Amino acid sequence: KETRRAESLFVQLPGESEHTCLLDSDVAEALVTSLSDGVRRPEGRQNEIAELRSGAVIMYHTLLKEIVNPPYNNTDDSETKLSTITVGRIADLLESATGLGVDLDEVTGSATKILLWLAKGSDCEALRICESKKKISRLLLALQRLRVGSGAYNEGVDYDLEHLCVRRIGERFFELSSHDLSQIEGKTLTAAVRASVMMFPGDQHATLPILNAASCLITKDGNDYHQPTNWDELELLGEGMVLATCGEYELSSILWAFATAKHFDPDVFMALTDCMLDEDVLTTFTSASA
């Protein structure tokens, strides 16, 4: 039987340096190898690390079940601790499965309960009170790493739970974006858009709220765009100037996401391609981004 594990994708949000964050597949190797001298640790040390990881996985499963299951002899889902935690904490829970390399078959049941809770949309306390677009972006990235969109979490449900969950999260992201253009950076927007489209490529119904949010954030500041020359100027521009915080990776990734979703927005395309003509962006362009 093939073991399903979370996809080995970048741990960092798009745009962060690859030298500061490791790939999921490199984590175990990094634990047994000195990053300073490149010397492999003794076998005894490797065994100790394996035992620590095994203990961490057991603790993770225990904590996850404690949060998503109702108290003993109580079948009311509203009594679970899941109903009291925030979007940021839910993202932490899901990201931990990726970081620990947990067998996805072992967490499918618990993860499905989390998706059922999030799919309630405005009736989900965590989504309703969330005011952070960055936390929602982290949540979408965690869901994508857990292979939401594959249908694995729809078993036993008479509708497309994964589709509905991503759409409900996207709707909250859109609400925050349309009412407040501040407090978001290019890498945060890129992570949200890219993760959503990777889960549901070409399915605009699931990803439309996120794509509309991106359009809102990009086009409303696109006319005033200019690349800041230093961090002091970036502070003066305000965090709402999402294009000012986009490098070549973010710009090309957002364009790729819109194309993959078959969502054509001429204003977005013009704003992003105009930014690419900036000299500072052109000089950093890589073949992958091109």
C-alpha atoms as a PDB file:
ATOM      1  CA  LYS A   1       0.000   0.000   0.000  1.00  0.00           C
ATOM      2  CA  GLU A   2       1.374   3.333  -1.033  1.00  0.00           C
ATOM      3  CA  THR A   3       1.856   5.725   1.844  1.00  0.00           C
ATOM      4  CA  ARG A   4       0.416   9.175   1.238  1.00  0.00           C
ATOM      5  CA  ARG A   5       2.437  11.993   2.663  1.00  0.00           C
ATOM      6  CA  ALA A   6       2.186  15.721   2.437  1.00  0.00           C
ATOM      7  CA  GLU A   7       3.782  17.097  -0.698  1.00  0.00           C
ATOM      8  CA  SER A   8       7.435  18.056  -0.388  1.00  0.00           C
ATOM      9  CA  LEU A   9       7.059  21.744  -1.151  1.00  0.00           C
ATOM     10  CA  PHE A  10       8.911  24.782   0.094  1.00  0.00           C
ATOM     11  CA  VAL A  11       8.449  25.391   3.808  1.00  0.00           C
ATOM     12  CA  GLN A  12       8.874  29.142   3.314  1.00  0.00           C
ATOM     13  CA  LEU A  13       6.326  31.404   1.727  1.00  0.00           C
ATOM     14  CA  PRO A  14       7.132  32.284  -1.897  1.00  0.00           C
ATOM     15  CA  GLY A  15       9.669  35.082  -2.084  1.00  0.00           C
ATOM     16  CA  GLU A  16      11.633  34.135   1.016  1.00  0.00           C
ATOM     17  CA  SER A  17      15.239  33.095   0.569  1.00  0.00           C
ATOM     18  CA  GLU A  18      15.812  29.406  -0.057  1.00  0.00           C
ATOM     19  CA  HIS A  19      18.921  29.684   2.103  1.00  0.00           C
ATOM     20  CA  THR A  20      16.899  30.523   5.209  1.00  0.00           C
ATOM     21  CA  CYS A  21      14.322  27.720   4.928  1.00  0.00           C
ATOM     22  CA  LEU A  22      14.629  24.063   4.060  1.00  0.00           C
ATOM     23  CA  LEU A  23      12.614  21.756   1.865  1.00  0.00           C
ATOM     24  CA  ASP A  24      10.426  19.290   3.736  1.00  0.00           C
ATOM     25  CA  SER A  25      12.445  16.426   2.290  1.00  0.00           C
ATOM     26  CA  ASP A  26      15.654  17.980   3.646  1.00  0.00           C
ATOM     27  CA  VAL A  27      14.493  18.381   7.230  1.00  0.00           C
ATOM     28  CA  ALA A  28      15.492  14.915   8.405  1.00  0.00           C
ATOM     29  CA  GLU A  29      18.884  15.210   6.699  1.00  0.00           C
ATOM     30  CA  ALA A  30      19.455  18.609   8.254  1.00  0.00           C
ATOM     31  CA  LEU A  31      18.790  17.187  11.704  1.00  0.00           C
ATOM     32  CA  VAL A  32      21.627  14.694  11.376  1.00  0.00           C
ATOM     33  CA  THR A  33      24.074  16.909   9.521  1.00  0.00           C
ATOM     34  CA  SER A  34      25.938  19.888  10.898  1.00  0.00           C
ATOM     35  CA  LEU A  35      25.034  22.956   8.871  1.00  0.00           C
ATOM     36  CA  SER A  36      28.318  24.585   9.801  1.00  0.00           C
ATOM     37  CA  ASP A  37      30.878  21.876   9.090  1.00  0.00           C
ATOM     38  CA  GLY A  38      28.918  19.393   6.938  1.00  0.00           C
ATOM     39  CA  VAL A  39      29.935  16.466   9.184  1.00  0.00           C
ATOM     40  CA  ARG A  40      27.355  13.696   9.562  1.00  0.00           C
ATOM     41  CA  ARG A  41      26.362  12.960  13.129  1.00  0.00           C
ATOM     42  CA  PRO A  42      27.187   9.552  14.665  1.00  0.00           C
ATOM     43  CA  GLU A  43      24.690   6.733  14.203  1.00  0.00           C
ATOM     44  CA  GLY A  44      23.727   6.904  17.872  1.00  0.00           C
ATOM     45  CA  ARG A  45      22.772  10.526  17.395  1.00  0.00           C
ATOM     46  CA  GLN A  46      20.646   9.602  14.379  1.00  0.00           C
ATOM     47  CA  ASN A  47      18.802   6.998  16.430  1.00  0.00           C
ATOM     48  CA  GLU A  48      18.181   9.559  19.158  1.00  0.00           C
ATOM     49  CA  ILE A  49      16.732  11.993  16.625  1.00  0.00           C
ATOM     50  CA  ALA A  50      14.531   9.234  15.166  1.00  0.00           C
ATOM     51  CA  GLU A  51      13.180   8.508  18.654  1.00  0.00           C
ATOM     52  CA  LEU A  52      12.506  12.192  19.256  1.00  0.00           C
ATOM     53  CA  ARG A  53      10.658  12.452  15.946  1.00  0.00           C
ATOM     54  CA  SER A  54       8.619   9.345  16.758  1.00  0.00           C
ATOM     55  CA  GLY A  55       7.643  10.874  20.106  1.00  0.00           C
ATOM     56  CA  ALA A  56       6.727  14.148  18.424  1.00  0.00           C
ATOM     57  CA  VAL A  57       4.455  12.323  15.963  1.00  0.00           C
ATOM     58  CA  ILE A  58       2.674  10.530  18.816  1.00  0.00           C
ATOM     59  CA  MET A  59       2.205  13.831  20.646  1.00  0.00           C
ATOM     60  CA  TYR A  60       0.873  15.415  17.461  1.00  0.00           C
ATOM     61  CA  HIS A  61      -1.747  12.693  16.958  1.00  0.00           C
ATOM     62  CA  THR A  62      -2.809  12.947  20.603  1.00  0.00           C
ATOM     63  CA  LEU A  63      -3.168  16.731  20.420  1.00  0.00           C
ATOM     64  CA  LEU A  64      -5.007  16.600  17.094  1.00  0.00           C
ATOM     65  CA  LYS A  65      -7.579  14.105  18.368  1.00  0.00           C
ATOM     66  CA  GLU A  66      -8.013  16.101  21.575  1.00  0.00           C
ATOM     67  CA  ILE A  67      -8.877  19.198  19.537  1.00  0.00           C
ATOM     68  CA  VAL A  68     -11.166  17.768  16.847  1.00  0.00           C
ATOM     69  CA  ASN A  69     -13.075  15.146  18.856  1.00  0.00           C
ATOM     70  CA  PRO A  70     -15.830  16.033  21.355  1.00  0.00           C
ATOM     71  CA  PRO A  71     -15.318  15.176  25.037  1.00  0.00           C
ATOM     72  CA  TYR A  72     -15.869  11.584  26.132  1.00  0.00           C
ATOM     73  CA  ASN A  73     -19.512  10.443  25.877  1.00  0.00           C
ATOM     74  CA  ASN A  74     -20.475  13.660  24.092  1.00  0.00           C
ATOM     75  CA  THR A  75     -21.394  13.576  20.397  1.00  0.00           C
ATOM     76  CA  ASP A  76     -22.077  17.307  20.014  1.00  0.00           C
ATOM     77  CA  ASP A  77     -19.476  18.655  17.579  1.00  0.00           C
ATOM     78  CA  SER A  78     -20.050  22.171  18.902  1.00  0.00           C
ATOM     79  CA  GLU A  79     -18.381  21.059  22.121  1.00  0.00           C
ATOM     80  CA  THR A  80     -15.029  20.298  20.482  1.00  0.00           C
ATOM     81  CA  LYS A  81     -12.021  22.473  21.214  1.00  0.00           C
ATOM     82  CA  LEU A  82     -11.813  23.073  17.459  1.00  0.00           C
ATOM     83  CA  SER A  83     -14.649  25.566  17.811  1.00  0.00           C
ATOM     84  CA  THR A  84     -12.521  27.745  20.094  1.00  0.00           C
ATOM     85  CA  ILE A  85      -9.202  28.007  18.220  1.00  0.00           C
ATOM     86  CA  THR A  86      -8.135  30.598  15.666  1.00  0.00           C
ATOM     87  CA  VAL A  87      -7.253  30.363  11.976  1.00  0.00           C
ATOM     88  CA  GLY A  88      -3.594  30.775  12.881  1.00  0.00           C
ATOM     89  CA  ARG A  89      -3.724  27.800  15.261  1.00  0.00           C
ATOM     90  CA  ILE A  90      -5.547  25.679  12.660  1.00  0.00           C
ATOM     91  CA  ALA A  91      -2.804  26.527  10.168  1.00  0.00           C
ATOM     92  CA  ASP A  92      -0.212  25.499  12.778  1.00  0.00           C
ATOM     93  CA  LEU A  93      -1.946  22.134  13.251  1.00  0.00           C
ATOM     94  CA  LEU A  94      -2.056  21.377   9.531  1.00  0.00           C
ATOM     95  CA  GLU A  95       1.465  22.640   8.847  1.00  0.00           C
ATOM     96  CA  SER A  96       2.798  20.354  11.589  1.00  0.00           C
ATOM     97  CA  ALA A  97       1.611  17.297   9.681  1.00  0.00           C
ATOM     98  CA  THR A  98       3.804  18.378   6.775  1.00  0.00           C
ATOM     99  CA  GLY A  99       6.792  19.238   8.931  1.00  0.00           C
ATOM    100  CA  LEU A 100       6.694  15.906  10.744  1.00  0.00           C
ATOM    101  CA  GLY A 101       6.142  13.914   7.547  1.00  0.00           C
ATOM    102  CA  VAL A 102       3.013  12.319   8.980  1.00  0.00           C
ATOM    103  CA  ASP A 103       1.271   9.611   6.948  1.00  0.00           C
ATOM    104  CA  LEU A 104      -1.755  11.436   5.554  1.00  0.00           C
ATOM    105  CA  ASP A 105      -3.945   8.346   5.888  1.00  0.00           C
ATOM    106  CA  GLU A 106      -3.497   8.655   9.651  1.00  0.00           C
ATOM    107  CA  VAL A 107      -4.783  12.239   9.785  1.00  0.00           C
ATOM    108  CA  THR A 108      -7.468  12.142   7.087  1.00  0.00           C
ATOM    109  CA  GLY A 109     -10.300  11.703   9.595  1.00  0.00           C
ATOM    110  CA  SER A 110      -9.172  14.585  11.801  1.00  0.00           C
ATOM    111  CA  ALA A 111      -8.347  16.822   8.852  1.00  0.00           C
ATOM    112  CA  THR A 112     -11.803  16.148   7.393  1.00  0.00           C
ATOM    113  CA  LYS A 113     -13.391  17.415  10.612  1.00  0.00           C
ATOM    114  CA  ILE A 114     -11.313  20.586  10.321  1.00  0.00           C
ATOM    115  CA  LEU A 115     -12.470  21.060   6.725  1.00  0.00           C
ATOM    116  CA  LEU A 116     -16.093  20.531   7.780  1.00  0.00           C
ATOM    117  CA  TRP A 117     -15.671  23.257  10.391  1.00  0.00           C
ATOM    118  CA  LEU A 118     -14.036  25.705   7.969  1.00  0.00           C
ATOM    119  CA  ALA A 119     -16.622  24.982   5.256  1.00  0.00           C
ATOM    120  CA  LYS A 120     -19.286  26.594   7.454  1.00  0.00           C
ATOM    121  CA  GLY A 121     -17.945  29.951   6.305  1.00  0.00           C
ATOM    122  CA  SER A 122     -19.446  32.810   8.306  1.00  0.00           C
ATOM    123  CA  ASP A 123     -20.808  30.279  10.804  1.00  0.00           C
ATOM    124  CA  CYS A 124     -17.241  29.226  11.558  1.00  0.00           C
ATOM    125  CA  GLU A 125     -16.076  31.361  14.476  1.00  0.00           C
ATOM    126  CA  ALA A 126     -12.418  31.122  13.470  1.00  0.00           C
ATOM    127  CA  LEU A 127     -13.038  32.504   9.971  1.00  0.00           C
ATOM    128  CA  ARG A 128     -15.565  35.096  11.085  1.00  0.00           C
ATOM    129  CA  ILE A 129     -13.224  36.755  13.593  1.00  0.00           C
ATOM    130  CA  CYS A 130     -10.028  36.371  11.551  1.00  0.00           C
ATOM    131  CA  GLU A 131      -8.661  39.760  10.474  1.00  0.00           C
ATOM    132  CA  SER A 132      -5.311  38.561   9.120  1.00  0.00           C
ATOM    133  CA  LYS A 133      -4.867  37.866   5.425  1.00  0.00           C
ATOM    134  CA  LYS A 134      -1.450  36.376   6.189  1.00  0.00           C
ATOM    135  CA  LYS A 135      -2.957  33.726   8.479  1.00  0.00           C
ATOM    136  CA  ILE A 136      -5.520  32.813   5.824  1.00  0.00           C
ATOM    137  CA  SER A 137      -2.693  32.566   3.296  1.00  0.00           C
ATOM    138  CA  ARG A 138      -0.833  30.179   5.630  1.00  0.00           C
ATOM    139  CA  LEU A 139      -4.005  28.118   6.018  1.00  0.00           C
ATOM    140  CA  LEU A 140      -4.455  27.769   2.248  1.00  0.00           C
ATOM    141  CA  LEU A 141      -0.797  26.805   1.843  1.00  0.00           C
ATOM    142  CA  ALA A 142      -1.152  24.152   4.567  1.00  0.00           C
ATOM    143  CA  LEU A 143      -4.267  22.709   2.898  1.00  0.00           C
ATOM    144  CA  GLN A 144      -2.475  22.521  -0.441  1.00  0.00           C
ATOM    145  CA  ARG A 145       0.441  20.647   1.128  1.00  0.00           C
ATOM    146  CA  LEU A 146      -2.040  18.157   2.573  1.00  0.00           C
ATOM    147  CA  ARG A 147      -3.271  17.525  -0.987  1.00  0.00           C
ATOM    148  CA  VAL A 148      -6.683  19.077  -0.564  1.00  0.00           C
ATOM    149  CA  GLY A 149      -8.262  18.989  -4.012  1.00  0.00           C
ATOM    150  CA  SER A 150      -7.376  15.337  -4.571  1.00  0.00           C
ATOM    151  CA  GLY A 151     -10.755  14.154  -3.227  1.00  0.00           C
ATOM    152  CA  ALA A 152      -9.220  12.265  -0.297  1.00  0.00           C
ATOM    153  CA  TYR A 153     -11.217  14.293   2.243  1.00  0.00           C
ATOM    154  CA  ASN A 154     -14.561  13.948   0.458  1.00  0.00           C
ATOM    155  CA  GLU A 155     -15.116  10.324   1.455  1.00  0.00           C
ATOM    156  CA  GLY A 156     -18.251   9.884   3.527  1.00  0.00           C
ATOM    157  CA  VAL A 157     -19.529  13.336   2.554  1.00  0.00           C
ATOM    158  CA  ASP A 158     -22.320  13.718  -0.010  1.00  0.00           C
ATOM    159  CA  TYR A 159     -20.861  16.911  -1.502  1.00  0.00           C
ATOM    160  CA  ASP A 160     -17.465  18.282  -2.563  1.00  0.00           C
ATOM    161  CA  LEU A 161     -16.203  19.284   0.878  1.00  0.00           C
ATOM    162  CA  GLU A 162     -12.726  20.265  -0.309  1.00  0.00           C
ATOM    163  CA  HIS A 163     -14.131  22.563  -2.997  1.00  0.00           C
ATOM    164  CA  LEU A 164     -16.547  24.244  -0.567  1.00  0.00           C
ATOM    165  CA  CYS A 165     -13.893  24.677   2.122  1.00  0.00           C
ATOM    166  CA  VAL A 166     -11.431  26.446  -0.185  1.00  0.00           C
ATOM    167  CA  ARG A 167     -14.199  28.681  -1.514  1.00  0.00           C
ATOM    168  CA  ARG A 168     -15.367  29.667   1.988  1.00  0.00           C
ATOM    169  CA  ILE A 169     -11.803  30.521   3.041  1.00  0.00           C
ATOM    170  CA  GLY A 170     -11.389  32.506  -0.173  1.00  0.00           C
ATOM    171  CA  GLU A 171     -14.587  34.427   0.523  1.00  0.00           C
ATOM    172  CA  ARG A 172     -13.220  35.588   3.876  1.00  0.00           C
ATOM    173  CA  PHE A 173      -9.935  36.555   2.220  1.00  0.00           C
ATOM    174  CA  PHE A 174     -11.909  38.585  -0.323  1.00  0.00           C
ATOM    175  CA  GLU A 175     -13.931  40.326   2.398  1.00  0.00           C
ATOM    176  CA  LEU A 176     -10.745  41.424   4.139  1.00  0.00           C
ATOM    177  CA  SER A 177      -9.107  42.484   0.880  1.00  0.00           C
ATOM    178  CA  SER A 178     -12.029  44.511  -0.453  1.00  0.00           C
ATOM    179  CA  HIS A 179     -12.476  46.466   2.772  1.00  0.00           C
ATOM    180  CA  ASP A 180      -8.835  46.943   3.697  1.00  0.00           C
ATOM    181  CA  LEU A 181      -5.914  47.201   1.272  1.00  0.00           C
ATOM    182  CA  SER A 182      -3.342  47.322   4.070  1.00  0.00           C
ATOM    183  CA  GLN A 183      -1.412  44.671   5.947  1.00  0.00           C
ATOM    184  CA  ILE A 184      -0.461  42.382   3.086  1.00  0.00           C
ATOM    185  CA  GLU A 185       2.777  41.762   1.233  1.00  0.00           C
ATOM    186  CA  GLY A 186       3.425  40.324  -2.183  1.00  0.00           C
ATOM    187  CA  LYS A 187       4.613  36.958  -0.876  1.00  0.00           C
ATOM    188  CA  THR A 188       1.442  36.578   1.220  1.00  0.00           C
ATOM    189  CA  LEU A 189      -0.819  37.234  -1.751  1.00  0.00           C
ATOM    190  CA  THR A 190       1.284  34.952  -3.934  1.00  0.00           C
ATOM    191  CA  ALA A 191       1.024  32.083  -1.444  1.00  0.00           C
ATOM    192  CA  ALA A 192      -2.769  32.404  -1.206  1.00  0.00           C
ATOM    193  CA  VAL A 193      -3.378  32.623  -4.959  1.00  0.00           C
ATOM    194  CA  ARG A 194      -0.851  29.973  -5.954  1.00  0.00           C
ATOM    195  CA  ALA A 195      -1.958  27.452  -3.303  1.00  0.00           C
ATOM    196  CA  SER A 196      -5.629  27.850  -4.232  1.00  0.00           C
ATOM    197  CA  VAL A 197      -5.014  27.375  -7.931  1.00  0.00           C
ATOM    198  CA  MET A 198      -2.743  24.382  -7.339  1.00  0.00           C
ATOM    199  CA  MET A 199      -5.563  22.722  -5.388  1.00  0.00           C
ATOM    200  CA  PHE A 200      -8.171  23.492  -8.027  1.00  0.00           C
ATOM    201  CA  PRO A 201      -6.516  24.356 -11.360  1.00  0.00           C
ATOM    202  CA  GLY A 202      -9.026  25.605 -13.902  1.00  0.00           C
ATOM    203  CA  ASP A 203     -11.895  25.460 -11.379  1.00  0.00           C
ATOM    204  CA  GLN A 204     -12.870  29.099 -11.045  1.00  0.00           C
ATOM    205  CA  HIS A 205     -15.816  28.411  -8.760  1.00  0.00           C
ATOM    206  CA  ALA A 206     -13.499  27.264  -5.981  1.00  0.00           C
ATOM    207  CA  THR A 207     -10.813  29.876  -6.594  1.00  0.00           C
ATOM    208  CA  LEU A 208     -12.872  32.856  -7.810  1.00  0.00           C
ATOM    209  CA  PRO A 209     -12.994  34.667  -4.431  1.00  0.00           C
ATOM    210  CA  ILE A 210      -9.197  34.483  -4.097  1.00  0.00           C
ATOM    211  CA  LEU A 211      -8.681  35.628  -7.694  1.00  0.00           C
ATOM    212  CA  ASN A 212     -11.106  38.510  -7.175  1.00  0.00           C
ATOM    213  CA  ALA A 213      -9.266  39.472  -3.991  1.00  0.00           C
ATOM    214  CA  ALA A 214      -5.986  39.501  -5.899  1.00  0.00           C
ATOM    215  CA  SER A 215      -7.540  41.681  -8.607  1.00  0.00           C
ATOM    216  CA  CYS A 216      -8.807  44.090  -5.969  1.00  0.00           C
ATOM    217  CA  LEU A 217      -5.447  44.367  -4.217  1.00  0.00           C
ATOM    218  CA  ILE A 218      -3.430  44.664  -7.443  1.00  0.00           C
ATOM    219  CA  THR A 219      -5.531  47.039  -9.519  1.00  0.00           C
ATOM    220  CA  LYS A 220      -6.414  49.447  -6.717  1.00  0.00           C
ATOM    221  CA  ASP A 221      -2.779  50.294  -6.163  1.00  0.00           C
ATOM    222  CA  GLY A 222      -1.490  49.507  -9.648  1.00  0.00           C
ATOM    223  CA  ASN A 223      -1.861  53.042 -10.963  1.00  0.00           C
ATOM    224  CA  ASP A 224       0.308  54.414  -8.173  1.00  0.00           C
ATOM    225  CA  TYR A 225       2.997  51.742  -8.444  1.00  0.00           C
ATOM    226  CA  HIS A 226       6.673  52.500  -8.288  1.00  0.00           C
ATOM    227  CA  GLN A 227       9.447  50.332  -6.919  1.00  0.00           C
ATOM    228  CA  PRO A 228      10.629  51.654  -3.534  1.00  0.00           C
ATOM    229  CA  THR A 229      14.331  52.475  -3.349  1.00  0.00           C
ATOM    230  CA  ASN A 230      14.742  51.597   0.340  1.00  0.00           C
ATOM    231  CA  TRP A 231      12.885  50.193   3.316  1.00  0.00           C
ATOM    232  CA  ASP A 232      12.148  53.640   4.745  1.00  0.00           C
ATOM    233  CA  GLU A 233      10.303  54.533   1.556  1.00  0.00           C
ATOM    234  CA  LEU A 234       8.449  51.223   1.682  1.00  0.00           C
ATOM    235  CA  GLU A 235       7.178  52.097   5.162  1.00  0.00           C
ATOM    236  CA  LEU A 236       5.947  55.461   3.886  1.00  0.00           C
ATOM    237  CA  LEU A 237       4.107  53.784   1.015  1.00  0.00           C
ATOM    238  CA  GLY A 238       2.141  51.696   3.476  1.00  0.00           C
ATOM    239  CA  GLU A 239       1.667  47.931   3.585  1.00  0.00           C
ATOM    240  CA  GLY A 240      -1.306  48.170   1.242  1.00  0.00           C
ATOM    241  CA  MET A 241       1.008  48.747  -1.713  1.00  0.00           C
ATOM    242  CA  VAL A 242       1.207  45.059  -2.513  1.00  0.00           C
ATOM    243  CA  LEU A 243       2.937  45.570  -5.872  1.00  0.00           C
ATOM    244  CA  ALA A 244       5.728  47.515  -4.196  1.00  0.00           C
ATOM    245  CA  THR A 245       6.626  44.371  -2.243  1.00  0.00           C
ATOM    246  CA  CYS A 246       6.547  42.048  -5.263  1.00  0.00           C
ATOM    247  CA  GLY A 247       9.730  40.796  -6.843  1.00  0.00           C
ATOM    248  CA  GLU A 248      10.084  38.852 -10.066  1.00  0.00           C
ATOM    249  CA  TYR A 249       9.027  35.602  -8.376  1.00  0.00           C
ATOM    250  CA  GLU A 250       5.793  37.021  -6.969  1.00  0.00           C
ATOM    251  CA  LEU A 251       4.867  38.800 -10.213  1.00  0.00           C
ATOM    252  CA  SER A 252       5.453  35.733 -12.392  1.00  0.00           C
ATOM    253  CA  SER A 253       3.733  33.388  -9.907  1.00  0.00           C
ATOM    254  CA  ILE A 254       0.564  35.492  -9.786  1.00  0.00           C
ATOM    255  CA  LEU A 255       0.491  35.668 -13.590  1.00  0.00           C
ATOM    256  CA  TRP A 256       0.952  31.886 -13.719  1.00  0.00           C
ATOM    257  CA  ALA A 257      -1.912  31.371 -11.244  1.00  0.00           C
ATOM    258  CA  PHE A 258      -4.328  33.539 -13.233  1.00  0.00           C
ATOM    259  CA  ALA A 259      -3.383  31.728 -16.447  1.00  0.00           C
ATOM    260  CA  THR A 260      -3.729  28.290 -14.839  1.00  0.00           C
ATOM    261  CA  ALA A 261      -7.163  29.234 -13.510  1.00  0.00           C
ATOM    262  CA  LYS A 262      -8.078  30.519 -16.999  1.00  0.00           C
ATOM    263  CA  HIS A 263      -9.116  33.774 -15.350  1.00  0.00           C
ATOM    264  CA  PHE A 264      -8.360  36.691 -17.645  1.00  0.00           C
ATOM    265  CA  ASP A 265      -8.301  40.115 -16.022  1.00  0.00           C
ATOM    266  CA  PRO A 266      -6.704  42.644 -18.404  1.00  0.00           C
ATOM    267  CA  ASP A 267      -6.177  45.231 -15.654  1.00  0.00           C
ATOM    268  CA  VAL A 268      -4.274  42.716 -13.528  1.00  0.00           C
ATOM    269  CA  PHE A 269      -2.177  41.567 -16.473  1.00  0.00           C
ATOM    270  CA  MET A 270      -1.307  45.154 -17.409  1.00  0.00           C
ATOM    271  CA  ALA A 271      -0.408  46.083 -13.812  1.00  0.00           C
ATOM    272  CA  LEU A 272       1.815  43.024 -13.320  1.00  0.00           C
ATOM    273  CA  THR A 273       3.583  43.246 -16.685  1.00  0.00           C
ATOM    274  CA  ASP A 274       4.182  46.976 -16.192  1.00  0.00           C
ATOM    275  CA  CYS A 275       5.872  46.159 -12.894  1.00  0.00           C
ATOM    276  CA  MET A 276       8.110  43.653 -14.683  1.00  0.00           C
ATOM    277  CA  LEU A 277       9.503  46.477 -16.815  1.00  0.00           C
ATOM    278  CA  ASP A 278      10.973  48.087 -13.725  1.00  0.00           C
ATOM    279  CA  GLU A 279      14.771  47.990 -13.972  1.00  0.00           C
ATOM    280  CA  ASP A 280      15.217  46.529 -10.481  1.00  0.00           C
ATOM    281  CA  VAL A 281      12.822  43.688 -11.334  1.00  0.00           C
ATOM    282  CA  LEU A 282      14.314  43.000 -14.761  1.00  0.00           C
ATOM    283  CA  THR A 283      17.835  42.672 -13.389  1.00  0.00           C
ATOM    284  CA  THR A 284      16.756  39.931 -10.973  1.00  0.00           C
ATOM    285  CA  PHE A 285      14.656  37.907 -13.404  1.00  0.00           C
ATOM    286  CA  THR A 286      15.462  34.184 -13.496  1.00  0.00           C
ATOM    287  CA  SER A 287      14.834  31.715 -16.300  1.00  0.00           C
ATOM    288  CA  ALA A 288      12.232  29.936 -14.143  1.00  0.00           C
ATOM    289  CA  SER A 289      10.238  33.134 -13.637  1.00  0.00           C
ATOM    290  CA  ALA A 290      10.519  33.998 -17.306  1.00  0.00           C
END
